PDB file of N, CA and C in Angstrom:
ATOM      1  N   MET A   1     139.020  94.744 134.295  1.00  0.00           N
ATOM      2  CA  MET A   1     140.058  93.908 133.752  1.00  0.00           C
ATOM      3  C   MET A   1     139.853  93.794 132.239  1.00  0.00           C
ATOM      4  N   TYR A   2     140.957  93.865 131.494  1.00  0.00           N
ATOM      5  CA  TYR A   2     140.887  93.748 130.038  1.00  0.00           C
ATOM      6  C   TYR A   2     140.671  92.303 129.620  1.00  0.00           C
ATOM      7  N   VAL A   3     139.785  92.131 128.648  1.00  0.00           N
ATOM      8  CA  VAL A   3     139.553  90.833 128.032  1.00  0.00           C
ATOM      9  C   VAL A   3     140.336  90.775 126.728  1.00  0.00           C
ATOM     10  N   CYS A   4     140.239  91.823 125.953  1.00  0.00           N
ATOM     11  CA  CYS A   4     140.902  91.908 124.648  1.00  0.00           C
ATOM     12  C   CYS A   4     141.912  93.049 124.699  1.00  0.00           C
ATOM     13  N   SER A   5     143.170  92.686 124.784  1.00  0.00           N
ATOM     14  CA  SER A   5     144.196  93.727 124.844  1.00  0.00           C
ATOM     15  C   SER A   5     144.463  94.335 123.469  1.00  0.00           C
ATOM     16  N   CYS A   6     144.131  93.630 122.407  1.00  0.00           N
ATOM     17  CA  CYS A   6     144.328  94.177 121.059  1.00  0.00           C
ATOM     18  C   CYS A   6     143.488  95.434 120.833  1.00  0.00           C
ATOM     19  N   PHE A   7     142.260  95.420 121.354  1.00  0.00           N
ATOM     20  CA  PHE A   7     141.346  96.541 121.143  1.00  0.00           C
ATOM     21  C   PHE A   7     140.953  97.242 122.438  1.00  0.00           C
ATOM     22  N   GLY A   8     141.547  96.841 123.564  1.00  0.00           N
ATOM     23  CA  GLY A   8     141.269  97.497 124.839  1.00  0.00           C
ATOM     24  C   GLY A   8     139.851  97.301 125.329  1.00  0.00           C
ATOM     25  N   ILE A   9     139.300  96.112 125.140  1.00  0.00           N
ATOM     26  CA  ILE A   9     137.920  95.821 125.553  1.00  0.00           C
ATOM     27  C   ILE A   9     137.941  95.171 126.931  1.00  0.00           C
ATOM     28  N   THR A  10     137.131  95.690 127.829  1.00  0.00           N
ATOM     29  CA  THR A  10     137.095  95.205 129.202  1.00  0.00           C
ATOM     30  C   THR A  10     135.970  94.186 129.406  1.00  0.00           C
ATOM     31  N   GLU A  11     136.049  93.490 130.544  1.00  0.00           N
ATOM     32  CA  GLU A  11     134.977  92.556 130.912  1.00  0.00           C
ATOM     33  C   GLU A  11     133.644  93.286 130.967  1.00  0.00           C
ATOM     34  N   GLN A  12     133.650  94.475 131.547  1.00  0.00           N
ATOM     35  CA  GLN A  12     132.415  95.242 131.677  1.00  0.00           C
ATOM     36  C   GLN A  12     131.813  95.558 130.305  1.00  0.00           C
ATOM     37  N   GLN A  13     132.661  95.886 129.342  1.00  0.00           N
ATOM     38  CA  GLN A  13     132.151  96.177 127.998  1.00  0.00           C
ATOM     39  C   GLN A  13     131.543  94.929 127.366  1.00  0.00           C
ATOM     40  N   VAL A  14     132.186  93.784 127.534  1.00  0.00           N
ATOM     41  CA  VAL A  14     131.650  92.529 127.000  1.00  0.00           C
ATOM     42  C   VAL A  14     130.302  92.235 127.652  1.00  0.00           C
ATOM     43  N   LYS A  15     130.223  92.401 128.967  1.00  0.00           N
ATOM     44  CA  LYS A  15     128.970  92.156 129.678  1.00  0.00           C
ATOM     45  C   LYS A  15     127.878  93.110 129.212  1.00  0.00           C
ATOM     46  N   GLN A  16     128.236  94.355 128.943  1.00  0.00           N
ATOM     47  CA  GLN A  16     127.249  95.325 128.456  1.00  0.00           C
ATOM     48  C   GLN A  16     126.729  94.932 127.070  1.00  0.00           C
ATOM     49  N   HIS A  17     127.623  94.518 126.190  1.00  0.00           N
ATOM     50  CA  HIS A  17     127.186  94.055 124.865  1.00  0.00           C
ATOM     51  C   HIS A  17     126.291  92.825 124.991  1.00  0.00           C
ATOM     52  N   ALA A  18     126.617  91.937 125.939  1.00  0.00           N
ATOM     53  CA  ALA A  18     125.786  90.750 126.170  1.00  0.00           C
ATOM     54  C   ALA A  18     124.395  91.162 126.649  1.00  0.00           C
ATOM     55  N   GLU A  19     124.330  92.136 127.537  1.00  0.00           N
ATOM     56  CA  GLU A  19     123.030  92.631 128.014  1.00  0.00           C
ATOM     57  C   GLU A  19     122.222  93.252 126.882  1.00  0.00           C
ATOM     58  N   ASN A  20     122.938  93.797 125.896  1.00  0.00           N
ATOM     59  CA  ASN A  20     122.274  94.410 124.744  1.00  0.00           C
ATOM     60  C   ASN A  20     121.925  93.394 123.659  1.00  0.00           C
ATOM     61  N   GLY A  21     122.199  92.096 123.911  1.00  0.00           N
ATOM     62  CA  GLY A  21     121.754  91.062 122.982  1.00  0.00           C
ATOM     63  C   GLY A  21     122.834  90.293 122.266  1.00  0.00           C
ATOM     64  N   ALA A  22     124.107  90.603 122.474  1.00  0.00           N
ATOM     65  CA  ALA A  22     125.181  89.842 121.839  1.00  0.00           C
ATOM     66  C   ALA A  22     125.389  88.566 122.638  1.00  0.00           C
ATOM     67  N   CYS A  23     125.037  87.421 122.065  1.00  0.00           N
ATOM     68  CA  CYS A  23     125.024  86.162 122.810  1.00  0.00           C
ATOM     69  C   CYS A  23     126.178  85.234 122.478  1.00  0.00           C
ATOM     70  N   THR A  24     126.931  85.533 121.459  1.00  0.00           N
ATOM     71  CA  THR A  24     128.017  84.661 121.032  1.00  0.00           C
ATOM     72  C   THR A  24     129.285  85.487 120.857  1.00  0.00           C
ATOM     73  N   PRO A  25     130.439  84.834 120.874  1.00  0.00           N
ATOM     74  CA  PRO A  25     131.679  85.578 120.609  1.00  0.00           C
ATOM     75  C   PRO A  25     131.649  86.309 119.264  1.00  0.00           C
ATOM     76  N   ARG A  26     131.020  85.734 118.282  1.00  0.00           N
ATOM     77  CA  ARG A  26     130.918  86.386 116.973  1.00  0.00           C
ATOM     78  C   ARG A  26     130.095  87.669 117.057  1.00  0.00           C
ATOM     79  N   GLN A  27     129.026  87.649 117.822  1.00  0.00           N
ATOM     80  CA  GLN A  27     128.209  88.848 117.990  1.00  0.00           C
ATOM     81  C   GLN A  27     128.947  89.897 118.807  1.00  0.00           C
ATOM     82  N   ILE A  28     129.728  89.456 119.794  1.00  0.00           N
ATOM     83  CA  ILE A  28     130.570  90.392 120.543  1.00  0.00           C
ATOM     84  C   ILE A  28     131.580  91.024 119.591  1.00  0.00           C
ATOM     85  N   ALA A  29     132.187  90.219 118.723  1.00  0.00           N
ATOM     86  CA  ALA A  29     133.154  90.735 117.752  1.00  0.00           C
ATOM     87  C   ALA A  29     132.513  91.781 116.839  1.00  0.00           C
ATOM     88  N   SER A  30     131.293  91.529 116.427  1.00  0.00           N
ATOM     89  CA  SER A  30     130.594  92.499 115.578  1.00  0.00           C
ATOM     90  C   SER A  30     130.324  93.800 116.316  1.00  0.00           C
ATOM     91  N   ALA A  31     130.090  93.686 117.612  1.00  0.00           N
ATOM     92  CA  ALA A  31     129.766  94.869 118.409  1.00  0.00           C
ATOM     93  C   ALA A  31     130.991  95.712 118.745  1.00  0.00           C
ATOM     94  N   CYS A  32     132.160  95.061 118.979  1.00  0.00           N
ATOM     95  CA  CYS A  32     133.295  95.840 119.480  1.00  0.00           C
ATOM     96  C   CYS A  32     134.667  95.377 118.970  1.00  0.00           C
ATOM     97  N   LYS A  33     134.717  94.440 118.055  1.00  0.00           N
ATOM     98  CA  LYS A  33     135.942  93.906 117.460  1.00  0.00           C
ATOM     99  C   LYS A  33     136.718  92.948 118.353  1.00  0.00           C
ATOM    100  N   ALA A  34     136.310  92.767 119.607  1.00  0.00           N
ATOM    101  CA  ALA A  34     137.035  91.852 120.495  1.00  0.00           C
ATOM    102  C   ALA A  34     137.062  90.456 119.879  1.00  0.00           C
ATOM    103  N   GLY A  35     138.237  89.855 119.837  1.00  0.00           N
ATOM    104  CA  GLY A  35     138.389  88.513 119.301  1.00  0.00           C
ATOM    105  C   GLY A  35     138.690  88.444 117.822  1.00  0.00           C
ATOM    106  N   THR A  36     138.794  89.602 117.165  1.00  0.00           N
ATOM    107  CA  THR A  36     138.998  89.588 115.719  1.00  0.00           C
ATOM    108  C   THR A  36     140.445  89.763 115.284  1.00  0.00           C
ATOM    109  N   ASP A  37     141.350  90.024 116.233  1.00  0.00           N
ATOM    110  CA  ASP A  37     142.753  90.208 115.843  1.00  0.00           C
ATOM    111  C   ASP A  37     143.527  88.927 116.128  1.00  0.00           C
ATOM    112  N   CYS A  38     144.086  88.781 117.302  1.00  0.00           N
ATOM    113  CA  CYS A  38     144.896  87.591 117.589  1.00  0.00           C
ATOM    114  C   CYS A  38     144.043  86.406 118.026  1.00  0.00           C
ATOM    115  N   GLY A  39     142.847  86.656 118.548  1.00  0.00           N
ATOM    116  CA  GLY A  39     141.930  85.585 118.936  1.00  0.00           C
ATOM    117  C   GLY A  39     142.166  84.991 120.315  1.00  0.00           C
ATOM    118  N   SER A  40     143.168  85.462 121.031  1.00  0.00           N
ATOM    119  CA  SER A  40     143.466  84.867 122.330  1.00  0.00           C
ATOM    120  C   SER A  40     142.386  85.131 123.373  1.00  0.00           C
ATOM    121  N   CYS A  41     141.497  86.071 123.141  1.00  0.00           N
ATOM    122  CA  CYS A  41     140.470  86.412 124.124  1.00  0.00           C
ATOM    123  C   CYS A  41     139.146  85.679 123.892  1.00  0.00           C
ATOM    124  N   VAL A  42     139.033  84.930 122.821  1.00  0.00           N
ATOM    125  CA  VAL A  42     137.746  84.317 122.475  1.00  0.00           C
ATOM    126  C   VAL A  42     137.255  83.379 123.573  1.00  0.00           C
ATOM    127  N   ARG A  43     138.142  82.579 124.144  1.00  0.00           N
ATOM    128  CA  ARG A  43     137.711  81.665 125.213  1.00  0.00           C
ATOM    129  C   ARG A  43     137.251  82.433 126.448  1.00  0.00           C
ATOM    130  N   ARG A  44     137.909  83.531 126.748  1.00  0.00           N
ATOM    131  CA  ARG A  44     137.500  84.351 127.892  1.00  0.00           C
ATOM    132  C   ARG A  44     136.132  84.974 127.627  1.00  0.00           C
ATOM    133  N   ILE A  45     135.909  85.408 126.397  1.00  0.00           N
ATOM    134  CA  ILE A  45     134.600  85.959 126.022  1.00  0.00           C
ATOM    135  C   ILE A  45     133.530  84.880 126.165  1.00  0.00           C
ATOM    136  N   GLN A  46     133.820  83.670 125.703  1.00  0.00           N
ATOM    137  CA  GLN A  46     132.869  82.563 125.843  1.00  0.00           C
ATOM    138  C   GLN A  46     132.545  82.322 127.311  1.00  0.00           C
ATOM    139  N   ALA A  47     133.567  82.369 128.165  1.00  0.00           N
ATOM    140  CA  ALA A  47     133.354  82.157 129.594  1.00  0.00           C
ATOM    141  C   ALA A  47     132.486  83.260 130.190  1.00  0.00           C
ATOM    142  N   LEU A  48     132.696  84.486 129.764  1.00  0.00           N
ATOM    143  CA  LEU A  48     131.886  85.594 130.273  1.00  0.00           C
ATOM    144  C   LEU A  48     130.429  85.468 129.821  1.00  0.00           C
ATOM    145  N   LEU A  49     130.227  84.997 128.603  1.00  0.00           N
ATOM    146  CA  LEU A  49     128.866  84.848 128.087  1.00  0.00           C
ATOM    147  C   LEU A  49     128.151  83.691 128.765  1.00  0.00           C
ATOM    148  N   GLY A  50     128.889  82.639 129.093  1.00  0.00           N
ATOM    149  CA  GLY A  50     128.312  81.488 129.778  1.00  0.00           C
ATOM    150  C   GLY A  50     127.173  80.865 129.007  1.00  0.00           C
ATOM    151  N   ARG A  51     126.325  80.229 129.725  1.00  0.00           N
ATOM    152  CA  ARG A  51     125.170  79.562 129.127  1.00  0.00           C
ATOM    153  C   ARG A  51     123.872  80.182 129.615  1.00  0.00           C
ATOM    154  N   GLY A  52     123.926  81.447 129.960  1.00  0.00           N
ATOM    155  CA  GLY A  52     122.750  82.134 130.477  1.00  0.00           C
ATOM    156  C   GLY A  52     121.668  82.300 129.429  1.00  0.00           C
ATOM    157  N   ALA A  53     120.542  82.782 129.864  1.00  0.00           N
ATOM    158  CA  ALA A  53     119.424  83.027 128.962  1.00  0.00           C
ATOM    159  C   ALA A  53     119.799  84.087 127.943  1.00  0.00           C
ATOM    160  N   CYS A  54     119.460  83.827 126.719  1.00  0.00           N
ATOM    161  CA  CYS A  54     119.748  84.759 125.637  1.00  0.00           C
ATOM    162  C   CYS A  54     118.577  84.740 124.671  1.00  0.00           C
ATOM    163  N   PRO A  55     117.933  85.872 124.443  1.00  0.00           N
ATOM    164  CA  PRO A  55     116.778  85.889 123.535  1.00  0.00           C
ATOM    165  C   PRO A  55     117.114  85.342 122.155  1.00  0.00           C
ATOM    166  N   ARG A  56     118.266  85.691 121.611  1.00  0.00           N
ATOM    167  CA  ARG A  56     118.622  85.201 120.276  1.00  0.00           C
ATOM    168  C   ARG A  56     118.869  83.705 120.289  1.00  0.00           C
ATOM    169  N   ARG A  57     119.545  83.201 121.342  1.00  0.00           N
ATOM    170  CA  ARG A  57     119.821  81.769 121.435  1.00  0.00           C
ATOM    171  C   ARG A  57     118.517  80.999 121.608  1.00  0.00           C
ATOM    172  N   GLU A  58     117.603  81.517 122.436  1.00  0.00           N
ATOM    173  CA  GLU A  58     116.324  80.855 122.644  1.00  0.00           C
ATOM    174  C   GLU A  58     115.519  80.819 121.358  1.00  0.00           C
ATOM    175  N   LEU A  59     115.572  81.871 120.575  1.00  0.00           N
ATOM    176  CA  LEU A  59     114.881  81.913 119.290  1.00  0.00           C
ATOM    177  C   LEU A  59     115.446  80.865 118.350  1.00  0.00           C
ATOM    178  N   ALA A  60     116.767  80.730 118.310  1.00  0.00           N
ATOM    179  CA  ALA A  60     117.412  79.736 117.455  1.00  0.00           C
ATOM    180  C   ALA A  60     117.062  78.328 117.904  1.00  0.00           C
ATOM    181  N   ASP A  61     117.001  78.092 119.223  1.00  0.00           N
ATOM    182  CA  ASP A  61     116.662  76.776 119.746  1.00  0.00           C
ATOM    183  C   ASP A  61     115.245  76.374 119.377  1.00  0.00           C
ATOM    184  N   GLN A  62     114.364  77.354 119.182  1.00  0.00           N
ATOM    185  CA  GLN A  62     112.977  77.081 118.819  1.00  0.00           C
ATOM    186  C   GLN A  62     112.813  76.918 117.316  1.00  0.00           C
ATOM    187  N   GLY A  63     113.901  77.042 116.586  1.00  0.00           N
ATOM    188  CA  GLY A  63     113.831  76.893 115.144  1.00  0.00           C
ATOM    189  C   GLY A  63     113.474  78.167 114.418  1.00  0.00           C
ATOM    190  N   GLY A  64     113.371  79.250 115.136  1.00  0.00           N
ATOM    191  CA  GLY A  64     113.034  80.524 114.520  1.00  0.00           C
ATOM    192  C   GLY A  64     114.263  81.370 114.344  1.00  0.00           C
ATOM    193  N   SER A  65     114.164  82.306 113.455  1.00  0.00           N
ATOM    194  CA  SER A  65     115.257  83.224 113.209  1.00  0.00           C
ATOM    195  C   SER A  65     114.701  84.429 112.494  1.00  0.00           C
ATOM    196  N   PRO A  66     115.173  85.610 112.852  1.00  0.00           N
ATOM    197  CA  PRO A  66     114.699  86.788 112.115  1.00  0.00           C
ATOM    198  C   PRO A  66     114.970  86.663 110.622  1.00  0.00           C
ATOM    199  N   LEU A  67     116.098  86.060 110.252  1.00  0.00           N
ATOM    200  CA  LEU A  67     116.395  85.889 108.829  1.00  0.00           C
ATOM    201  C   LEU A  67     115.469  84.875 108.185  1.00  0.00           C
ATOM    202  N   ALA A  68     115.115  83.836 108.921  1.00  0.00           N
ATOM    203  CA  ALA A  68     114.186  82.841 108.384  1.00  0.00           C
ATOM    204  C   ALA A  68     112.825  83.483 108.137  1.00  0.00           C
ATOM    205  N   ASP A  69     112.413  84.384 109.037  1.00  0.00           N
ATOM    206  CA  ASP A  69     111.145  85.070 108.854  1.00  0.00           C
ATOM    207  C   ASP A  69     111.164  85.928 107.592  1.00  0.00           C
ATOM    208  N   VAL A  70     112.288  86.573 107.314  1.00  0.00           N
ATOM    209  CA  VAL A  70     112.420  87.372 106.099  1.00  0.00           C
ATOM    210  C   VAL A  70     112.334  86.472 104.876  1.00  0.00           C
ATOM    211  N   ALA A  71     112.984  85.317 104.933  1.00  0.00           N
ATOM    212  CA  ALA A  71     112.984  84.399 103.792  1.00  0.00           C
ATOM    213  C   ALA A  71     111.582  83.889 103.493  1.00  0.00           C
ATOM    214  N   ARG A  72     110.707  83.827 104.515  1.00  0.00           N
ATOM    215  CA  ARG A  72     109.342  83.357 104.305  1.00  0.00           C
ATOM    216  C   ARG A  72     108.384  84.476 103.951  1.00  0.00           C
ATOM    217  N   SER A  73     108.870  85.726 103.943  1.00  0.00           N
ATOM    218  CA  SER A  73     107.983  86.855 103.686  1.00  0.00           C
ATOM    219  C   SER A  73     107.507  86.843 102.240  1.00  0.00           C
ATOM    220  N   PRO A  74     106.330  87.407 101.970  1.00  0.00           N
ATOM    221  CA  PRO A  74     105.809  87.445 100.594  1.00  0.00           C
ATOM    222  C   PRO A  74     106.767  88.131  99.625  1.00  0.00           C
ATOM    223  N   ALA A  75     107.438  89.192 100.055  1.00  0.00           N
ATOM    224  CA  ALA A  75     108.371  89.892  99.163  1.00  0.00           C
ATOM    225  C   ALA A  75     109.525  88.988  98.776  1.00  0.00           C
ATOM    226  N   ALA A  76     110.017  88.202  99.707  1.00  0.00           N
ATOM    227  CA  ALA A  76     111.124  87.284  99.407  1.00  0.00           C
ATOM    228  C   ALA A  76     110.658  86.197  98.452  1.00  0.00           C
ATOM    229  N   GLN A  77     109.414  85.741  98.585  1.00  0.00           N
ATOM    230  CA  GLN A  77     108.895  84.700  97.703  1.00  0.00           C
ATOM    231  C   GLN A  77     108.739  85.229  96.283  1.00  0.00           C
ATOM    232  N   VAL A  78     108.269  86.457  96.156  1.00  0.00           N
ATOM    233  CA  VAL A  78     108.112  87.058  94.834  1.00  0.00           C
ATOM    234  C   VAL A  78     109.480  87.205  94.177  1.00  0.00           C
ATOM    235  N   THR A  79     110.469  87.666  94.935  1.00  0.00           N
ATOM    236  CA  THR A  79     111.817  87.816  94.411  1.00  0.00           C
ATOM    237  C   THR A  79     112.385  86.466  93.978  1.00  0.00           C
ATOM    238  N   ALA A  80     112.149  85.431  94.789  1.00  0.00           N
ATOM    239  CA  ALA A  80     112.667  84.093  94.454  1.00  0.00           C
ATOM    240  C   ALA A  80     111.992  83.558  93.213  1.00  0.00           C
ATOM    241  N   GLU A  81     110.680  83.812  93.054  1.00  0.00           N
ATOM    242  CA  GLU A  81     109.964  83.329  91.876  1.00  0.00           C
ATOM    243  C   GLU A  81     110.441  84.050  90.609  1.00  0.00           C
ATOM    244  N   ALA A  82     110.795  85.324  90.746  1.00  0.00           N
ATOM    245  CA  ALA A  82     111.236  86.104  89.600  1.00  0.00           C
ATOM    246  C   ALA A  82     112.615  85.660  89.124  1.00  0.00           C
ATOM    247  N   ALA A  83     113.409  85.103  90.011  1.00  0.00           N
ATOM    248  CA  ALA A  83     114.782  84.695  89.669  1.00  0.00           C
ATOM    249  C   ALA A  83     114.789  83.421  88.936  1.00  0.00           C
TER     250      ALA A  83
END
């Protein structure tokens, strides 16, 4: 069944992107453009994603983030000090 008729994205494709780590509608949009045109499918995408376990969501809940780790890296500190 199609979730996003604008880009022809199916439920199965959304589920596959979720299995590959896309945990939010925004991450699904980045992976396949679903939800970026008319937006009528965003709620359906949210429903498909549910509240299941998600490595990225769990990392965010713990206060960690890959970007936060980069910001704390020595190279980032040197760059910030130079600015």
